[in-house]
Amino acid sequence: MRTTILWVISSLLLLFAALIIVGNVRIILRWIFKREKSSTIPLVGGLCGVLGILLVPIRGAGKWWWVPLILDFNSIASLVGLILIFFKSPSQNS
Protein backbone atom coordinates (compact mmCIF):
# COMPACT_ATOMS: atom_id res chain seq x y z
CA MET A 1 0.00 0.00 0.00
CA ARG A 2 2.82 2.41 0.88
CA THR A 3 4.52 1.71 -2.45
CA THR A 4 1.33 2.48 -4.35
CA ILE A 5 0.92 5.79 -2.54
CA LEU A 6 4.54 6.72 -3.28
CA TRP A 7 4.04 5.85 -6.96
CA VAL A 8 0.91 7.99 -7.20
CA ILE A 9 2.43 10.99 -5.43
CA SER A 10 5.74 10.83 -7.31
CA SER A 11 3.96 10.38 -10.65
CA LEU A 12 1.74 13.39 -10.03
CA LEU A 13 4.71 15.51 -8.97
CA LEU A 14 6.72 14.44 -12.01
CA LEU A 15 3.80 15.11 -14.35
CA PHE A 16 3.27 18.55 -12.84
CA ALA A 17 7.02 19.25 -13.10
CA ALA A 18 7.05 18.17 -16.75
CA LEU A 19 4.13 20.48 -17.57
CA ILE A 20 5.79 23.46 -15.87
CA ILE A 21 9.19 22.74 -17.46
CA VAL A 22 7.70 22.37 -20.95
CA GLY A 23 5.71 25.57 -20.42
CA ASN A 24 8.83 27.45 -19.33
CA VAL A 25 10.78 26.19 -22.35
CA ARG A 26 7.96 27.25 -24.69
CA ILE A 27 7.90 30.72 -23.15
CA ILE A 28 11.67 31.08 -23.47
CA LEU A 29 11.66 29.85 -27.09
CA ARG A 30 8.80 32.21 -28.00
CA TRP A 31 10.77 35.08 -26.51
CA ILE A 32 13.93 34.11 -28.44
CA PHE A 33 12.29 33.51 -31.83
CA LYS A 34 9.19 35.72 -31.83
CA ARG A 35 10.13 38.32 -29.22
CA GLU A 36 6.84 37.64 -27.43
CA LYS A 37 7.28 38.46 -23.77
CA SER A 38 5.64 36.45 -21.04
CA SER A 39 6.35 35.32 -17.51
CA THR A 40 7.87 31.98 -16.59
CA ILE A 41 7.43 30.12 -13.32
CA PRO A 42 10.82 29.94 -11.56
CA LEU A 43 11.84 26.97 -9.40
CA VAL A 44 8.41 25.27 -9.26
CA GLY A 45 9.00 22.77 -12.07
CA GLY A 46 12.52 21.92 -10.97
CA LEU A 47 11.66 21.52 -7.29
CA CYS A 48 8.54 19.43 -7.97
CA GLY A 49 10.68 17.23 -10.22
CA VAL A 50 13.32 16.83 -7.52
CA LEU A 51 10.70 15.87 -4.95
CA GLY A 52 9.04 13.48 -7.41
CA ILE A 53 12.31 11.70 -8.14
CA LEU A 54 13.19 11.46 -4.45
CA LEU A 55 9.80 9.84 -3.75
CA VAL A 56 9.93 7.27 -6.58
CA PRO A 57 10.09 3.86 -4.87
CA ILE A 58 12.95 2.59 -7.05
CA ARG A 59 16.33 1.92 -5.51
CA GLY A 60 18.92 4.32 -6.89
CA ALA A 61 16.42 6.75 -8.44
CA GLY A 62 17.37 9.43 -5.91
CA LYS A 63 20.80 9.85 -7.46
CA TRP A 64 19.06 11.56 -10.42
CA TRP A 65 17.56 14.35 -8.27
CA TRP A 66 19.51 17.02 -10.17
CA VAL A 67 18.04 16.26 -13.63
CA PRO A 68 14.83 18.35 -13.25
CA LEU A 69 16.89 21.34 -12.13
CA ILE A 70 19.00 21.08 -15.29
CA LEU A 71 15.96 20.63 -17.54
CA ASP A 72 14.18 23.64 -16.07
CA PHE A 73 16.29 26.58 -17.23
CA ASN A 74 14.47 28.87 -14.80
CA SER A 75 15.57 26.81 -11.82
CA ILE A 76 19.23 27.21 -12.73
CA ALA A 77 18.91 30.97 -13.20
CA SER A 78 16.88 31.39 -10.01
CA LEU A 79 19.26 29.30 -7.90
CA VAL A 80 22.32 31.17 -9.22
CA GLY A 81 20.59 34.48 -8.48
CA LEU A 82 19.68 33.40 -4.95
CA ILE A 83 23.23 32.22 -4.29
CA LEU A 84 24.66 35.51 -5.55
CA ILE A 85 22.25 37.50 -3.36
CA PHE A 86 23.05 35.32 -0.35
CA PHE A 87 26.81 35.70 -0.70
CA LYS A 88 26.73 39.38 -1.59
CA SER A 89 28.50 41.43 1.07
CA PRO A 90 26.28 43.67 3.25
CA SER A 91 28.02 46.82 2.00
CA GLN A 92 26.94 46.00 -1.58
CA ASN A 93 23.28 45.62 -0.58
CA SER A 94 22.76 49.33 0.11
C-alpha atoms as a PDB file:
ATOM      1  CA  MET A   1       0.000   0.000   0.000  1.00  0.00           C
ATOM      2  CA  ARG A   2       2.822   2.414   0.885  1.00  0.00           C
ATOM      3  CA  THR A   3       4.523   1.707  -2.446  1.00  0.00           C
ATOM      4  CA  THR A   4       1.328   2.480  -4.348  1.00  0.00           C
ATOM      5  CA  ILE A   5       0.921   5.791  -2.544  1.00  0.00           C
ATOM      6  CA  LEU A   6       4.538   6.718  -3.278  1.00  0.00           C
ATOM      7  CA  TRP A   7       4.041   5.847  -6.955  1.00  0.00           C
ATOM      8  CA  VAL A   8       0.907   7.994  -7.205  1.00  0.00           C
ATOM      9  CA  ILE A   9       2.433  10.992  -5.426  1.00  0.00           C
ATOM     10  CA  SER A  10       5.739  10.826  -7.306  1.00  0.00           C
ATOM     11  CA  SER A  11       3.958  10.381 -10.648  1.00  0.00           C
ATOM     12  CA  LEU A  12       1.737  13.393 -10.029  1.00  0.00           C
ATOM     13  CA  LEU A  13       4.710  15.515  -8.974  1.00  0.00           C
ATOM     14  CA  LEU A  14       6.723  14.442 -12.015  1.00  0.00           C
ATOM     15  CA  LEU A  15       3.795  15.107 -14.348  1.00  0.00           C
ATOM     16  CA  PHE A  16       3.267  18.545 -12.841  1.00  0.00           C
ATOM     17  CA  ALA A  17       7.020  19.246 -13.101  1.00  0.00           C
ATOM     18  CA  ALA A  18       7.048  18.171 -16.752  1.00  0.00           C
ATOM     19  CA  LEU A  19       4.125  20.477 -17.568  1.00  0.00           C
ATOM     20  CA  ILE A  20       5.791  23.459 -15.872  1.00  0.00           C
ATOM     21  CA  ILE A  21       9.191  22.735 -17.464  1.00  0.00           C
ATOM     22  CA  VAL A  22       7.696  22.374 -20.949  1.00  0.00           C
ATOM     23  CA  GLY A  23       5.709  25.571 -20.424  1.00  0.00           C
ATOM     24  CA  ASN A  24       8.830  27.448 -19.333  1.00  0.00           C
ATOM     25  CA  VAL A  25      10.780  26.192 -22.352  1.00  0.00           C
ATOM     26  CA  ARG A  26       7.959  27.249 -24.685  1.00  0.00           C
ATOM     27  CA  ILE A  27       7.897  30.723 -23.145  1.00  0.00           C
ATOM     28  CA  ILE A  28      11.670  31.083 -23.471  1.00  0.00           C
ATOM     29  CA  LEU A  29      11.660  29.854 -27.086  1.00  0.00           C
ATOM     30  CA  ARG A  30       8.801  32.206 -27.996  1.00  0.00           C
ATOM     31  CA  TRP A  31      10.774  35.076 -26.513  1.00  0.00           C
ATOM     32  CA  ILE A  32      13.927  34.106 -28.439  1.00  0.00           C
ATOM     33  CA  PHE A  33      12.294  33.515 -31.827  1.00  0.00           C
ATOM     34  CA  LYS A  34       9.193  35.720 -31.833  1.00  0.00           C
ATOM     35  CA  ARG A  35      10.129  38.319 -29.220  1.00  0.00           C
ATOM     36  CA  GLU A  36       6.837  37.641 -27.429  1.00  0.00           C
ATOM     37  CA  LYS A  37       7.285  38.455 -23.768  1.00  0.00           C
ATOM     38  CA  SER A  38       5.636  36.453 -21.042  1.00  0.00           C
ATOM     39  CA  SER A  39       6.352  35.318 -17.510  1.00  0.00           C
ATOM     40  CA  THR A  40       7.872  31.979 -16.588  1.00  0.00           C
ATOM     41  CA  ILE A  41       7.429  30.118 -13.316  1.00  0.00           C
ATOM     42  CA  PRO A  42      10.815  29.939 -11.558  1.00  0.00           C
ATOM     43  CA  LEU A  43      11.843  26.966  -9.399  1.00  0.00           C
ATOM     44  CA  VAL A  44       8.410  25.271  -9.260  1.00  0.00           C
ATOM     45  CA  GLY A  45       9.004  22.774 -12.072  1.00  0.00           C
ATOM     46  CA  GLY A  46      12.520  21.921 -10.966  1.00  0.00           C
ATOM     47  CA  LEU A  47      11.663  21.519  -7.290  1.00  0.00           C
ATOM     48  CA  CYS A  48       8.545  19.429  -7.973  1.00  0.00           C
ATOM     49  CA  GLY A  49      10.678  17.230 -10.216  1.00  0.00           C
ATOM     50  CA  VAL A  50      13.325  16.829  -7.518  1.00  0.00           C
ATOM     51  CA  LEU A  51      10.700  15.874  -4.950  1.00  0.00           C
ATOM     52  CA  GLY A  52       9.037  13.484  -7.406  1.00  0.00           C
ATOM     53  CA  ILE A  53      12.311  11.704  -8.139  1.00  0.00           C
ATOM     54  CA  LEU A  54      13.187  11.457  -4.452  1.00  0.00           C
ATOM     55  CA  LEU A  55       9.802   9.841  -3.745  1.00  0.00           C
ATOM     56  CA  VAL A  56       9.935   7.274  -6.577  1.00  0.00           C
ATOM     57  CA  PRO A  57      10.088   3.861  -4.873  1.00  0.00           C
ATOM     58  CA  ILE A  58      12.945   2.589  -7.054  1.00  0.00           C
ATOM     59  CA  ARG A  59      16.327   1.917  -5.515  1.00  0.00           C
ATOM     60  CA  GLY A  60      18.916   4.321  -6.893  1.00  0.00           C
ATOM     61  CA  ALA A  61      16.424   6.753  -8.440  1.00  0.00           C
ATOM     62  CA  GLY A  62      17.365   9.426  -5.911  1.00  0.00           C
ATOM     63  CA  LYS A  63      20.798   9.845  -7.460  1.00  0.00           C
ATOM     64  CA  TRP A  64      19.060  11.560 -10.417  1.00  0.00           C
ATOM     65  CA  TRP A  65      17.560  14.347  -8.267  1.00  0.00           C
ATOM     66  CA  TRP A  66      19.511  17.024 -10.174  1.00  0.00           C
ATOM     67  CA  VAL A  67      18.041  16.260 -13.628  1.00  0.00           C
ATOM     68  CA  PRO A  68      14.831  18.348 -13.254  1.00  0.00           C
ATOM     69  CA  LEU A  69      16.886  21.342 -12.129  1.00  0.00           C
ATOM     70  CA  ILE A  70      18.999  21.079 -15.291  1.00  0.00           C
ATOM     71  CA  LEU A  71      15.957  20.627 -17.543  1.00  0.00           C
ATOM     72  CA  ASP A  72      14.179  23.641 -16.065  1.00  0.00           C
ATOM     73  CA  PHE A  73      16.291  26.578 -17.225  1.00  0.00           C
ATOM     74  CA  ASN A  74      14.470  28.868 -14.801  1.00  0.00           C
ATOM     75  CA  SER A  75      15.567  26.807 -11.821  1.00  0.00           C
ATOM     76  CA  ILE A  76      19.229  27.211 -12.731  1.00  0.00           C
ATOM     77  CA  ALA A  77      18.911  30.969 -13.199  1.00  0.00           C
ATOM     78  CA  SER A  78      16.880  31.386 -10.008  1.00  0.00           C
ATOM     79  CA  LEU A  79      19.261  29.301  -7.897  1.00  0.00           C
ATOM     80  CA  VAL A  80      22.315  31.168  -9.215  1.00  0.00           C
ATOM     81  CA  GLY A  81      20.589  34.477  -8.476  1.00  0.00           C
ATOM     82  CA  LEU A  82      19.677  33.401  -4.948  1.00  0.00           C
ATOM     83  CA  ILE A  83      23.228  32.221  -4.293  1.00  0.00           C
ATOM     84  CA  LEU A  84      24.658  35.512  -5.552  1.00  0.00           C
ATOM     85  CA  ILE A  85      22.254  37.499  -3.365  1.00  0.00           C
ATOM     86  CA  PHE A  86      23.047  35.319  -0.353  1.00  0.00           C
ATOM     87  CA  PHE A  87      26.811  35.696  -0.702  1.00  0.00           C
ATOM     88  CA  LYS A  88      26.727  39.384  -1.591  1.00  0.00           C
ATOM     89  CA  SER A  89      28.499  41.433   1.068  1.00  0.00           C
ATOM     90  CA  PRO A  90      26.281  43.667   3.249  1.00  0.00           C
ATOM     91  CA  SER A  91      28.019  46.816   1.997  1.00  0.00           C
ATOM     92  CA  GLN A  92      26.941  45.999  -1.581  1.00  0.00           C
ATOM     93  CA  ASN A  93      23.284  45.618  -0.579  1.00  0.00           C
ATOM     94  CA  SER A  94      22.757  49.330   0.114  1.00  0.00           C
END
